[in-house]
Amino acid sequence: MGSVVVEELETILAAGQVDRAETTLRRYAVDQAPILEYQLPLAVVFPESVEDVQAVVRMCAAGNVPIVPRGAGTGVSGGAHATKDCIILSLERMDRILALDPDDETAVVEPGVINAALNEAAAHHGLMYAPDPASFRSSTIGGNVATNAGGLRCAKYGVTRDSVLALDVVLADGSLLHTGHQTFKGVAGYDLTGLFVGSEGTLGIVVGVTVRLKYLPREVHTIAAFYPDFRQAAAGVLAVGRARVQPAIMELLDGGTLAQLDEIHGSDLTARGKSLLLVQTDGFGAAAEARMVREVLAAGGATVTTEASAEAERLVELRRHSRGVEVDDEYRVGEDVAVPRSRLVDYVAALEAMAENNAVHLKVVAHAGDGNLHPTFWIDRTDNTVEGAALERLHQVLDESITAALAMGGTITGEHGVGQYKLRWLGQEQPEPLRELQRRIKELFDPAGILNPGKAI
């Protein structure tokens, strides 16, 4: 039946909108997450309008063919991995900024708009789109909405959900729903917009996004504080909070991360310290806030630099690329957990102990301003092979890292989403009554279960 649906799609869509070439199927079969069960889609479909999306959904619904929506494929939790006998619905060609109102400070965009492209357009009006995942130069707004993406500026500006005012969503029967409002405030009815944000394409397919824009800071100051160890650096995070300064960015990098950055980029970070706290203040009070931050961090034992703008930008860029150039696979897994900020030191100490006990390599970066950590675990391999015992140790330390985060009041995912890869741990965080309620919500929106099955819940 699936092949029949694909043939019918080829008749109703324009040439080039349905691709069944094996190279295309392989390219779009996965995102950047570890692969649990590799499947090739039946086809990759490229809608160019809302009407195209509706037509595809209606035809797939009639033929009971699963649909996996996809943005740029930068996700790292498997939310865009192909499932058995599915079509991949790539929204990358729906990439228009439909409206940008500098007085209302809003923009309306299609889901395929690149995060950086929206920011470039907004900057002409002295505005910015605040959420900035590390992949902002390639990730799409639709994908950011699907996972409720975060980023470096979350400490001050919040996550994607905090910037989304309204959505246009194609439901599982092909109907079009508009949620939310054009105003910054609005509490009429249930918050369906908030429900769709972060639902990973399991409740509907986002085809339009109305976002709130923020003022582009006229002044930005970056402070680099080098510490002899991670514990003192984490203490610096709490010290800044106690000073009641609100940085836009507060990032924490451990010694392993600094060493990897030096190796990749030829920098000399490890010669300056064993841990780096990178703080950025912005706005009209940026200079005063930066002075306060420098005083607080220096008093805590940091070597605090007053960077020139070029150096500051370089440090921020190095942080954005601190996950390394490799894509996660079965031998290297970048995690995404969050704990209360007061437990940062305890959690990293636990990570270091479990990595040592299991003979697994570890490096850690953190959005320290909101307690979101990205530990990366990996094991050695030779010619792309590895001992089975080593792989078992990697899985063991991953399980332990999740259990430890939850024991400290944390969560299994701070910003990357559950996708397919993290489903194994969802039950540890959410008890069955809560999960059952979510399954009932899913059934209400998608009774046939065709929208991104096996993901998120």
Protein backbone atom coordinates (compact mmCIF):
# COMPACT_ATOMS: atom_id res chain seq x y z
CA MET A 1 0.00 0.00 0.00
CA GLY A 2 2.86 2.35 0.78
CA SER A 3 4.29 2.17 -2.72
CA VAL A 4 0.83 2.94 -4.14
CA VAL A 5 0.61 6.06 -1.97
CA VAL A 6 4.04 7.18 -3.16
CA GLU A 7 2.97 6.72 -6.79
CA GLU A 8 -0.16 8.75 -6.13
CA LEU A 9 1.92 11.50 -4.52
CA GLU A 10 4.04 11.63 -7.67
CA THR A 11 0.91 12.36 -9.67
CA ILE A 12 -0.38 15.23 -7.49
CA LEU A 13 2.94 16.96 -6.70
CA ALA A 14 5.29 18.68 -9.11
CA ALA A 15 8.33 17.01 -10.63
CA GLY A 16 11.17 16.78 -8.13
CA GLN A 17 8.95 16.91 -5.04
CA VAL A 18 8.93 13.14 -4.56
CA ASP A 19 12.35 11.48 -4.57
CA ARG A 20 12.87 7.73 -4.41
CA ALA A 21 16.55 7.63 -5.36
CA GLU A 22 18.51 5.42 -2.99
CA THR A 23 21.12 8.12 -2.32
CA THR A 24 18.32 10.49 -1.24
CA LEU A 25 16.64 7.84 0.91
CA ARG A 26 19.92 7.13 2.70
CA ARG A 27 20.70 10.80 3.21
CA TYR A 28 17.32 11.54 4.76
CA ALA A 29 16.89 8.28 6.71
CA VAL A 30 18.60 9.58 9.84
CA ASP A 31 19.46 12.70 11.76
CA GLN A 32 22.63 13.07 13.87
CA ALA A 33 21.59 10.73 16.70
CA PRO A 34 22.84 7.20 17.32
CA ILE A 35 20.88 4.74 15.20
CA LEU A 36 18.90 2.08 17.04
CA GLU A 37 17.09 0.55 14.05
CA TYR A 38 18.09 1.67 10.57
CA GLN A 39 15.18 1.98 8.16
CA LEU A 40 14.99 3.41 4.67
CA PRO A 41 11.90 5.52 3.95
CA LEU A 42 9.67 4.72 1.00
CA ALA A 43 10.31 8.21 -0.36
CA VAL A 44 11.38 11.70 0.59
CA VAL A 45 8.72 14.32 -0.14
CA PHE A 46 9.49 18.03 -0.45
CA PRO A 47 6.34 20.15 -0.02
CA GLU A 48 6.56 23.77 -1.11
CA SER A 49 3.29 25.07 0.34
CA VAL A 50 0.78 24.46 3.10
CA GLU A 51 -1.54 22.94 0.49
CA ASP A 52 1.20 20.49 -0.48
CA VAL A 53 1.57 19.37 3.14
CA GLN A 54 -2.19 18.95 3.48
CA ALA A 55 -2.37 16.87 0.31
CA VAL A 56 0.47 14.62 1.45
CA VAL A 57 -1.04 14.11 4.89
CA ARG A 58 -4.49 13.30 3.50
CA MET A 59 -3.08 10.75 1.09
CA CYS A 60 -0.89 9.13 3.74
CA ALA A 61 -3.81 9.06 6.18
CA ALA A 62 -5.96 7.29 3.60
CA GLY A 63 -3.24 4.72 2.99
CA ASN A 64 -2.14 4.48 6.65
CA VAL A 65 1.44 5.45 5.73
CA PRO A 66 3.56 6.91 8.56
CA ILE A 67 4.96 10.43 8.11
CA VAL A 68 8.25 11.57 9.65
CA PRO A 69 8.57 15.38 9.46
CA ARG A 70 12.10 16.72 9.06
CA GLY A 71 13.85 20.06 9.13
CA ALA A 72 17.60 20.28 8.58
CA GLY A 73 18.35 16.95 10.27
CA THR A 74 20.55 18.50 12.98
CA GLY A 75 18.70 16.76 15.82
CA VAL A 76 20.69 14.42 18.06
CA SER A 77 17.89 12.35 19.64
CA GLY A 78 16.58 10.48 16.60
CA GLY A 79 13.39 12.50 16.24
CA ALA A 80 13.81 12.51 12.46
CA HIS A 81 14.98 8.90 12.04
CA ALA A 82 12.95 7.03 9.45
CA THR A 83 10.56 4.37 10.73
CA LYS A 84 9.37 1.29 8.85
CA ASP A 85 7.52 1.99 5.58
CA CYS A 86 7.35 5.74 6.20
CA ILE A 87 7.76 8.78 4.05
CA ILE A 88 10.12 11.54 5.14
CA LEU A 89 8.39 14.91 4.84
CA SER A 90 11.22 17.40 4.40
CA LEU A 91 10.03 20.96 4.98
CA GLU A 92 13.29 22.58 3.88
CA ARG A 93 11.77 24.17 0.74
CA MET A 94 9.17 26.06 2.78
CA ASP A 95 11.76 28.68 3.70
CA ARG A 96 10.08 32.07 3.34
CA ILE A 97 9.88 34.83 5.93
CA LEU A 98 6.26 35.78 5.37
CA ALA A 99 6.17 38.89 7.53
CA LEU A 100 8.44 40.86 9.84
CA ASP A 101 6.85 43.70 11.79
CA PRO A 102 9.44 45.86 13.59
CA ASP A 103 6.77 47.80 15.51
CA ASP A 104 4.95 44.74 16.82
CA GLU A 105 8.34 42.98 17.14
CA THR A 106 7.04 39.81 15.55
CA ALA A 107 7.81 37.68 12.52
CA VAL A 108 5.85 35.01 10.68
CA VAL A 109 7.96 32.32 9.04
CA GLU A 110 7.61 29.03 7.24
CA PRO A 111 9.14 26.02 9.02
CA GLY A 112 12.13 25.70 6.68
CA VAL A 113 13.52 29.14 7.51
CA ILE A 114 17.06 28.81 8.87
CA ASN A 115 17.49 30.27 12.36
CA ALA A 116 20.43 32.44 11.22
CA ALA A 117 18.45 33.75 8.23
CA LEU A 118 15.67 35.00 10.50
CA ASN A 119 18.23 36.68 12.72
CA GLU A 120 19.88 38.34 9.75
CA ALA A 121 16.54 39.73 8.58
CA ALA A 122 15.59 40.88 12.08
CA ALA A 123 18.96 42.59 12.61
CA HIS A 124 18.12 45.13 9.89
CA HIS A 125 15.45 46.42 12.28
CA GLY A 126 17.55 46.28 15.44
CA LEU A 127 15.88 43.02 16.49
CA MET A 128 16.85 39.41 16.97
CA TYR A 129 15.28 35.99 17.34
CA ALA A 130 16.62 35.01 20.76
CA PRO A 131 16.80 31.17 20.75
CA ASP A 132 20.21 30.22 19.36
CA PRO A 133 21.01 26.50 19.31
CA ALA A 134 24.62 25.73 18.45
CA SER A 135 23.36 24.63 15.02
CA PHE A 136 21.68 28.00 14.36
CA ARG A 137 23.48 28.44 11.04
CA SER A 138 21.82 25.32 9.65
CA SER A 139 18.88 24.32 11.87
CA THR A 140 15.37 25.39 10.88
CA ILE A 141 12.77 27.23 12.91
CA GLY A 142 10.38 24.32 12.38
CA GLY A 143 12.93 21.90 13.79
CA ASN A 144 13.62 24.26 16.68
CA VAL A 145 9.89 24.32 17.43
CA ALA A 146 9.59 20.54 17.18
CA THR A 147 12.23 19.98 19.86
CA ASN A 148 11.74 23.19 21.85
CA ALA A 149 15.39 23.90 21.12
CA GLY A 150 17.53 25.86 23.54
CA GLY A 151 20.96 27.33 23.01
CA LEU A 152 23.56 29.56 24.54
CA ARG A 153 21.28 32.54 25.25
CA CYS A 154 18.72 30.49 27.21
CA ALA A 155 19.99 31.81 30.53
CA LYS A 156 18.48 35.22 29.78
CA TYR A 157 16.02 34.75 26.93
CA GLY A 158 14.56 31.30 27.48
CA VAL A 159 13.97 28.42 25.07
CA THR A 160 12.02 28.27 21.81
CA ARG A 161 8.65 27.97 23.54
CA ASP A 162 9.24 31.34 25.19
CA SER A 163 9.49 33.02 21.78
CA VAL A 164 6.60 31.33 19.94
CA LEU A 165 3.30 33.21 19.89
CA ALA A 166 1.27 31.25 17.33
CA LEU A 167 1.47 28.22 15.06
CA ASP A 168 -0.14 26.96 11.88
CA VAL A 169 -0.34 23.18 12.11
CA VAL A 170 -1.54 20.52 9.71
CA LEU A 171 -3.25 17.80 11.73
CA ALA A 172 -3.27 14.06 11.02
CA ASP A 173 -6.43 14.31 8.90
CA GLY A 174 -4.97 17.06 6.71
CA SER A 175 -6.94 19.90 8.29
CA LEU A 176 -5.21 23.20 9.11
CA LEU A 177 -5.26 24.58 12.65
CA HIS A 178 -4.13 28.01 13.83
CA THR A 179 -3.20 28.29 17.50
CA GLY A 180 -2.11 31.14 19.71
CA HIS A 181 -2.20 34.88 19.12
CA GLN A 182 -0.32 37.81 17.60
CA THR A 183 -0.02 39.59 20.95
CA PHE A 184 2.64 39.05 23.60
CA LYS A 185 -0.07 38.33 26.18
CA GLY A 186 -3.04 36.04 25.71
CA VAL A 187 -4.63 33.40 27.93
CA ALA A 188 -7.82 32.45 26.10
CA GLY A 189 -8.37 28.69 26.29
CA TYR A 190 -5.80 25.96 26.71
CA ASP A 191 -2.26 26.68 25.54
CA LEU A 192 -2.22 24.46 22.45
CA THR A 193 0.71 26.42 21.03
CA GLY A 194 2.82 25.42 24.01
CA LEU A 195 1.64 21.83 23.61
CA PHE A 196 2.76 21.62 19.99
CA VAL A 197 6.16 23.17 20.77
CA GLY A 198 8.40 20.29 21.76
CA SER A 199 6.00 17.59 20.55
CA GLU A 200 8.52 16.44 17.93
CA GLY A 201 6.02 16.18 15.09
CA THR A 202 3.89 13.59 16.88
CA LEU A 203 0.75 15.75 17.19
CA GLY A 204 0.82 17.74 13.96
CA ILE A 205 3.10 19.20 11.31
CA VAL A 206 4.07 22.82 11.87
CA VAL A 207 3.74 24.81 8.63
CA GLY A 208 3.86 28.36 10.02
CA VAL A 209 5.39 29.99 13.09
CA THR A 210 4.72 33.42 14.59
CA VAL A 211 7.61 34.41 16.81
CA ARG A 212 8.33 37.22 19.20
CA LEU A 213 11.52 39.14 18.51
CA LYS A 214 13.80 40.77 21.07
CA TYR A 215 15.92 43.90 20.88
CA LEU A 216 19.32 43.37 19.33
CA PRO A 217 21.80 44.33 22.07
CA ARG A 218 23.69 47.52 21.32
CA GLU A 219 26.52 46.42 23.56
CA VAL A 220 27.95 42.99 24.37
CA HIS A 221 30.76 42.15 26.81
CA THR A 222 32.39 38.75 27.12
CA ILE A 223 34.32 37.55 30.15
CA ALA A 224 36.55 34.48 30.06
CA ALA A 225 37.36 33.08 33.48
CA PHE A 226 39.91 30.27 33.65
CA TYR A 227 39.98 28.01 36.71
CA PRO A 228 42.31 25.28 37.97
CA ASP A 229 39.40 22.82 38.17
CA PHE A 230 35.73 22.36 37.33
CA ARG A 231 34.54 22.61 40.93
CA GLN A 232 35.73 26.20 41.32
CA ALA A 233 34.29 27.12 37.93
CA ALA A 234 30.87 25.79 38.92
CA ALA A 235 31.12 27.75 42.15
CA GLY A 236 31.66 30.83 39.99
CA VAL A 237 28.30 30.21 38.31
CA LEU A 238 26.54 30.30 41.66
CA ALA A 239 28.51 33.38 42.72
CA VAL A 240 27.30 35.31 39.69
CA GLY A 241 23.74 34.28 40.51
CA ARG A 242 24.09 35.41 44.10
CA ALA A 243 25.30 38.80 42.79
CA ARG A 244 21.93 38.98 41.00
CA VAL A 245 23.51 39.62 37.61
CA GLN A 246 21.67 38.10 34.63
CA PRO A 247 24.15 37.16 31.88
CA ALA A 248 22.86 36.39 28.41
CA ILE A 249 25.34 33.53 28.09
CA MET A 250 27.05 31.49 30.80
CA GLU A 251 28.91 28.48 29.46
CA LEU A 252 31.14 26.02 31.29
CA LEU A 253 33.80 23.89 29.60
CA ASP A 254 35.87 21.22 31.32
CA GLY A 255 39.53 20.33 30.76
CA GLY A 256 38.75 17.57 28.27
CA THR A 257 36.74 19.94 26.15
CA LEU A 258 39.47 22.59 26.23
CA ALA A 259 42.03 20.00 25.14
CA GLN A 260 39.87 18.88 22.24
CA LEU A 261 39.29 22.46 21.13
CA ASP A 262 43.03 23.13 21.23
CA GLU A 263 43.66 20.05 19.10
CA ILE A 264 41.03 20.98 16.53
CA HIS A 265 41.50 24.73 16.34
CA GLY A 266 45.10 25.26 17.41
CA SER A 267 44.09 27.38 20.41
CA ASP A 268 45.94 27.51 23.73
CA LEU A 269 43.07 27.21 26.18
CA THR A 270 44.59 24.40 28.24
CA ALA A 271 47.67 26.52 28.91
CA ARG A 272 45.40 29.07 30.58
CA GLY A 273 43.42 26.78 32.87
CA LYS A 274 41.73 23.42 33.42
CA SER A 275 38.18 24.75 33.16
CA LEU A 276 36.67 27.77 31.41
CA LEU A 277 33.62 29.79 32.42
CA LEU A 278 32.51 31.97 29.54
CA VAL A 279 30.09 34.76 30.48
CA GLN A 280 28.48 37.27 28.16
CA THR A 281 26.42 40.28 29.22
CA ASP A 282 24.36 42.35 26.80
CA GLY A 283 22.15 45.41 26.59
CA PHE A 284 22.58 48.96 27.84
CA GLY A 285 23.82 47.71 31.22
CA ALA A 286 26.30 45.24 29.74
CA ALA A 287 29.43 47.10 30.86
CA ALA A 288 28.26 47.51 34.45
CA GLU A 289 27.16 43.87 34.61
CA ALA A 290 30.49 42.74 33.15
CA ARG A 291 32.41 44.71 35.78
CA MET A 292 30.39 43.03 38.51
CA VAL A 293 30.94 39.58 36.98
CA ARG A 294 34.70 40.12 36.72
CA GLU A 295 34.89 41.18 40.38
CA VAL A 296 32.85 38.21 41.57
CA LEU A 297 34.80 35.67 39.52
CA ALA A 298 38.21 37.07 40.41
CA ALA A 299 37.26 36.95 44.08
CA GLY A 300 36.50 33.25 43.60
CA GLY A 301 39.98 32.43 42.33
CA ALA A 302 39.52 32.78 38.58
CA THR A 303 42.02 34.24 36.17
CA VAL A 304 39.69 36.72 34.52
CA THR A 305 40.47 38.15 31.12
CA THR A 306 39.27 41.38 29.57
CA GLU A 307 38.99 40.16 26.03
CA ALA A 308 39.03 42.25 22.89
CA SER A 309 35.93 41.76 20.79
CA ALA A 310 37.70 39.53 18.26
CA GLU A 311 38.91 37.19 21.02
CA ALA A 312 35.50 37.20 22.66
CA GLU A 313 33.81 36.21 19.43
CA ARG A 314 36.38 33.47 18.90
CA LEU A 315 35.71 32.02 22.35
CA VAL A 316 31.97 31.99 21.76
CA GLU A 317 32.47 30.31 18.38
CA LEU A 318 34.76 27.70 19.91
CA ARG A 319 32.07 26.96 22.49
CA ARG A 320 29.45 26.54 19.76
CA HIS A 321 31.62 23.89 18.16
CA SER A 322 32.66 22.22 21.40
CA ARG A 323 30.78 18.99 20.69
CA GLY A 324 33.47 18.27 18.13
CA VAL A 325 33.26 17.44 14.46
CA GLU A 326 32.02 13.88 14.89
CA VAL A 327 28.40 12.85 14.68
CA ASP A 328 27.10 10.74 17.54
CA ASP A 329 27.14 7.02 16.81
CA GLU A 330 27.17 3.78 18.77
CA TYR A 331 30.71 4.50 20.02
CA ARG A 332 30.35 8.21 20.90
CA VAL A 333 27.26 9.68 22.53
CA GLY A 334 26.69 13.31 23.47
CA GLU A 335 24.18 13.52 26.29
CA ASP A 336 21.71 16.28 27.17
CA VAL A 337 20.62 16.39 30.79
CA ALA A 338 19.78 19.18 33.20
CA VAL A 339 20.14 19.43 36.96
CA PRO A 340 19.51 22.26 39.42
CA ARG A 341 22.41 24.70 39.16
CA SER A 342 23.35 24.05 42.77
CA ARG A 343 24.07 20.41 41.83
CA LEU A 344 26.40 21.09 38.88
CA VAL A 345 29.53 20.24 40.86
CA ASP A 346 27.99 17.10 42.36
CA TYR A 347 26.77 15.89 38.99
CA VAL A 348 30.07 16.40 37.19
CA ALA A 349 31.89 14.66 40.05
CA ALA A 350 29.50 11.72 39.62
CA LEU A 351 30.12 11.69 35.86
CA GLU A 352 33.87 11.66 36.33
CA ALA A 353 33.65 8.77 38.79
CA MET A 354 31.39 6.65 36.61
CA ALA A 355 33.53 7.30 33.51
CA GLU A 356 36.67 6.25 35.39
CA ASN A 357 35.00 3.16 36.88
CA ASN A 358 33.80 2.05 33.45
CA ALA A 359 36.98 3.01 31.53
CA VAL A 360 35.04 5.38 29.27
CA HIS A 361 36.29 8.75 27.99
CA LEU A 362 34.41 11.87 29.08
CA LYS A 363 34.26 15.56 28.32
CA VAL A 364 31.64 18.03 29.56
CA VAL A 365 30.25 21.34 28.40
CA ALA A 366 27.32 23.02 30.08
CA HIS A 367 24.85 25.81 29.62
CA ALA A 368 25.70 26.64 33.20
CA GLY A 369 23.21 29.48 33.46
CA ASP A 370 20.31 27.02 33.46
CA GLY A 371 21.98 23.77 34.58
CA ASN A 372 21.83 22.06 31.18
CA LEU A 373 24.87 19.81 30.66
CA HIS A 374 26.19 18.03 27.58
CA PRO A 375 28.54 15.29 28.73
CA THR A 376 30.03 13.30 25.86
CA PHE A 377 31.08 9.71 26.44
CA TRP A 378 33.13 7.65 24.01
CA ILE A 379 35.20 4.50 23.77
CA ASP A 380 38.26 3.67 21.70
CA ARG A 381 37.87 1.82 18.42
CA THR A 382 40.15 0.40 15.77
CA ASP A 383 39.11 0.39 12.11
CA ASN A 384 35.56 1.22 13.17
CA THR A 385 35.33 -1.84 15.41
CA VAL A 386 35.21 -2.09 19.16
CA GLU A 387 35.15 -4.83 21.77
CA GLY A 388 31.70 -5.90 22.89
CA ALA A 389 32.72 -5.42 26.53
CA ALA A 390 33.68 -1.80 25.83
CA LEU A 391 30.30 -1.13 24.24
CA GLU A 392 28.61 -2.60 27.30
CA ARG A 393 30.62 -0.25 29.51
CA LEU A 394 29.53 2.72 27.40
CA HIS A 395 25.87 1.73 27.75
CA GLN A 396 26.38 1.22 31.47
CA VAL A 397 27.80 4.71 31.99
CA LEU A 398 24.99 6.24 29.91
CA ASP A 399 22.41 4.55 32.12
CA GLU A 400 24.24 5.66 35.25
CA SER A 401 24.45 9.26 34.02
CA ILE A 402 20.69 9.41 33.57
CA THR A 403 19.97 7.81 36.94
CA ALA A 404 22.32 10.24 38.69
CA ALA A 405 20.73 13.28 37.01
CA LEU A 406 17.24 12.21 38.05
CA ALA A 407 18.39 11.51 41.62
CA MET A 408 19.58 15.13 41.83
CA GLY A 409 16.22 16.50 40.71
CA GLY A 410 17.17 16.72 37.04
CA THR A 411 15.72 15.65 33.70
CA ILE A 412 16.78 13.24 30.95
CA THR A 413 16.72 15.96 28.29
CA GLY A 414 17.15 19.70 28.64
CA GLU A 415 16.79 20.77 25.02
CA HIS A 416 17.41 18.02 22.47
CA GLY A 417 14.16 16.14 22.97
CA VAL A 418 13.35 12.50 23.64
CA GLY A 419 13.14 11.43 20.00
CA GLN A 420 13.74 7.75 19.52
CA TYR A 421 17.02 7.42 21.39
CA LYS A 422 15.88 8.56 24.85
CA LEU A 423 12.61 6.64 25.04
CA ARG A 424 14.40 3.94 27.02
CA TRP A 425 14.81 6.35 29.95
CA LEU A 426 11.55 8.28 29.81
CA GLY A 427 9.84 5.92 32.25
CA GLN A 428 12.42 6.75 34.91
CA GLU A 429 11.39 10.40 34.86
CA GLN A 430 7.68 10.21 34.15
CA PRO A 431 5.42 7.76 36.02
CA GLU A 432 2.95 5.65 34.09
CA PRO A 433 -0.21 7.73 34.82
CA LEU A 434 1.52 10.74 33.29
CA ARG A 435 2.70 8.78 30.26
CA GLU A 436 -0.74 7.29 29.74
CA LEU A 437 -2.28 10.76 29.71
CA GLN A 438 0.22 11.79 27.03
CA ARG A 439 -0.63 8.72 24.96
CA ARG A 440 -4.29 9.72 25.16
CA ILE A 441 -3.43 13.22 23.95
CA LYS A 442 -1.49 11.67 21.08
CA GLU A 443 -4.48 9.47 20.21
CA LEU A 444 -6.80 12.48 20.21
CA PHE A 445 -4.66 14.39 17.71
CA ASP A 446 -3.47 11.36 15.71
CA PRO A 447 -5.87 8.44 16.16
CA ALA A 448 -4.25 6.32 13.43
CA GLY A 449 -0.76 6.93 14.81
CA ILE A 450 0.79 8.02 11.50
CA LEU A 451 2.65 11.13 12.73
CA ASN A 452 6.25 10.34 13.65
CA PRO A 453 5.42 7.02 15.36
CA GLY A 454 7.74 5.68 18.05
CA LYS A 455 9.09 9.10 19.04
CA ALA A 456 8.83 11.48 22.02
CA ILE A 457 6.37 9.63 24.28
